[in-house]
Every structure is written in C-alpha cells, then in structure tokens.
Amino acid sequence: MLKAREQFAQYLHRGYGDRSTPKHYLNDLDLFVRQVGDKHPESVTVKDVDDFIESQMDKQLKPTTINRRLASLHTFFEYLASEEPDKAWPNPV
C-alpha cells in the first residue's frame, strides 16, 4: 500500500500543485491505511471501507468529514484502477 500511496501523492501534486488538496487526501488515506494495515490495495474490501466508516462515526465526526474522507479513498482507488486499465478492479468505496 505504501508504494501505491507514493504514486498517488505524485499524481495529486501534479494535478493540484501547491493547493491543500494533496495534503488532505493523503492524510485521509493515511488514516485508512492505519486502520487496514499494509494490505495490498487490490485486497481492500467493501467491508474494510464500512469498518472505516464505523470507526469514523464512533469518533463522532461530522458526516461532511466522513464523506470527504470517502471521496479521498474513492479517488485513490480510481487512480489505481486507471493505472492498470487491463485489470478488472472494482472500487471498494
């Protein structure tokens, strides 16, 4: 997952430059990685994402914060899928 994170970071910095978007997306991804561990991105399941949502709700975070974190994860998995278009890889988010 760490290699994929670094590739995603480069992609974000190319697309957003000095804006704060890369920082926030990567922070959201890091929170998710801390929860699921160093799982290979292709082995992340909908259940992993659901568990992440539950943990965020248990912390009594606002729905807008949770939704932004999910948008970050969705973008991450869409980026990974776009890098390997020949693979059938559903986005778990």
Protein backbone atom coordinates (compact mmCIF):
# COMPACT_ATOMS: atom_id res chain seq x y z
CA MET A 1 0.00 0.00 0.00
CA LEU A 2 2.91 2.34 0.68
CA LYS A 3 4.15 2.24 -2.92
CA ALA A 4 0.63 2.97 -4.18
CA ARG A 5 0.38 5.86 -1.71
CA GLU A 6 3.59 7.40 -3.04
CA GLN A 7 2.40 7.11 -6.64
CA PHE A 8 -0.91 8.70 -5.64
CA ALA A 9 0.96 11.53 -3.88
CA GLN A 10 2.89 12.29 -7.07
CA TYR A 11 -0.33 12.23 -9.08
CA LEU A 12 -2.02 14.65 -6.66
CA HIS A 13 0.92 17.05 -6.63
CA ARG A 14 0.99 17.08 -10.44
CA GLY A 15 -2.73 17.80 -10.59
CA TYR A 16 -3.13 20.19 -7.68
CA GLY A 17 0.30 21.72 -7.21
CA ASP A 18 0.62 23.76 -4.04
CA ARG A 19 -3.06 23.67 -3.11
CA SER A 20 -4.06 21.94 0.12
CA THR A 21 -5.93 19.12 -1.65
CA PRO A 22 -2.96 16.69 -1.78
CA LYS A 23 -2.28 17.18 1.92
CA HIS A 24 -5.89 16.45 2.90
CA TYR A 25 -6.32 13.49 0.53
CA LEU A 26 -3.09 11.91 1.74
CA ASN A 27 -4.00 12.48 5.39
CA ASP A 28 -7.35 10.75 4.78
CA LEU A 29 -5.61 7.86 3.03
CA ASP A 30 -3.09 7.55 5.88
CA LEU A 31 -5.94 7.26 8.41
CA PHE A 32 -7.43 4.45 6.35
CA VAL A 33 -4.08 2.67 5.95
CA ARG A 34 -3.50 2.82 9.71
CA GLN A 35 -6.79 1.01 10.19
CA VAL A 36 -6.46 -1.67 7.50
CA GLY A 37 -2.72 -2.15 7.78
CA ASP A 38 -0.33 -2.60 4.89
CA LYS A 39 -2.84 -4.56 2.83
CA HIS A 40 -2.34 -4.70 -0.91
CA PRO A 41 -4.79 -2.17 -2.41
CA GLU A 42 -6.43 -4.86 -4.57
CA SER A 43 -7.32 -6.84 -1.46
CA VAL A 44 -9.19 -3.97 0.23
CA THR A 45 -12.87 -4.87 0.50
CA VAL A 46 -16.15 -3.06 0.93
CA LYS A 47 -16.14 -4.40 4.50
CA ASP A 48 -12.80 -2.64 5.15
CA VAL A 49 -14.37 0.61 3.97
CA ASP A 50 -17.50 0.00 6.04
CA ASP A 51 -15.37 -0.66 9.12
CA PHE A 52 -13.51 2.58 8.46
CA ILE A 53 -16.81 4.46 8.25
CA GLU A 54 -17.93 2.90 11.53
CA SER A 55 -14.70 3.91 13.25
CA GLN A 56 -15.09 7.47 11.99
CA MET A 57 -18.69 7.57 13.21
CA ASP A 58 -17.60 6.19 16.61
CA LYS A 59 -15.31 9.23 16.88
CA GLN A 60 -18.44 11.36 16.36
CA LEU A 61 -17.03 13.06 13.29
CA LYS A 62 -19.37 15.13 11.19
CA PRO A 63 -20.89 13.44 8.14
CA THR A 64 -19.19 16.01 5.89
CA THR A 65 -15.78 14.98 7.24
CA ILE A 66 -16.52 11.29 6.76
CA ASN A 67 -17.82 11.92 3.24
CA ARG A 68 -14.69 13.89 2.34
CA ARG A 69 -12.54 11.02 3.58
CA LEU A 70 -14.56 8.60 1.48
CA ALA A 71 -14.14 10.88 -1.54
CA SER A 72 -10.38 10.79 -0.96
CA LEU A 73 -10.40 7.00 -0.81
CA HIS A 74 -12.62 6.78 -3.88
CA THR A 75 -10.19 8.98 -5.81
CA PHE A 76 -7.25 6.86 -4.62
CA PHE A 77 -8.81 3.60 -5.83
CA GLU A 78 -9.97 5.17 -9.11
CA TYR A 79 -6.41 6.41 -9.68
CA LEU A 80 -5.00 2.93 -9.07
CA ALA A 81 -7.53 1.34 -11.42
CA SER A 82 -6.70 3.89 -14.12
CA GLU A 83 -3.02 2.98 -13.85
CA GLU A 84 -3.82 -0.65 -14.74
CA PRO A 85 -6.77 -0.49 -17.16
CA ASP A 86 -6.40 -4.12 -18.24
CA LYS A 87 -7.33 -5.37 -14.76
CA ALA A 88 -10.91 -5.77 -13.62
CA TRP A 89 -10.67 -4.00 -10.30
CA PRO A 90 -13.85 -2.71 -8.64
CA ASN A 91 -13.55 0.34 -6.43
CA PRO A 92 -14.38 -0.80 -2.85
CA VAL A 93 -15.63 2.66 -1.96
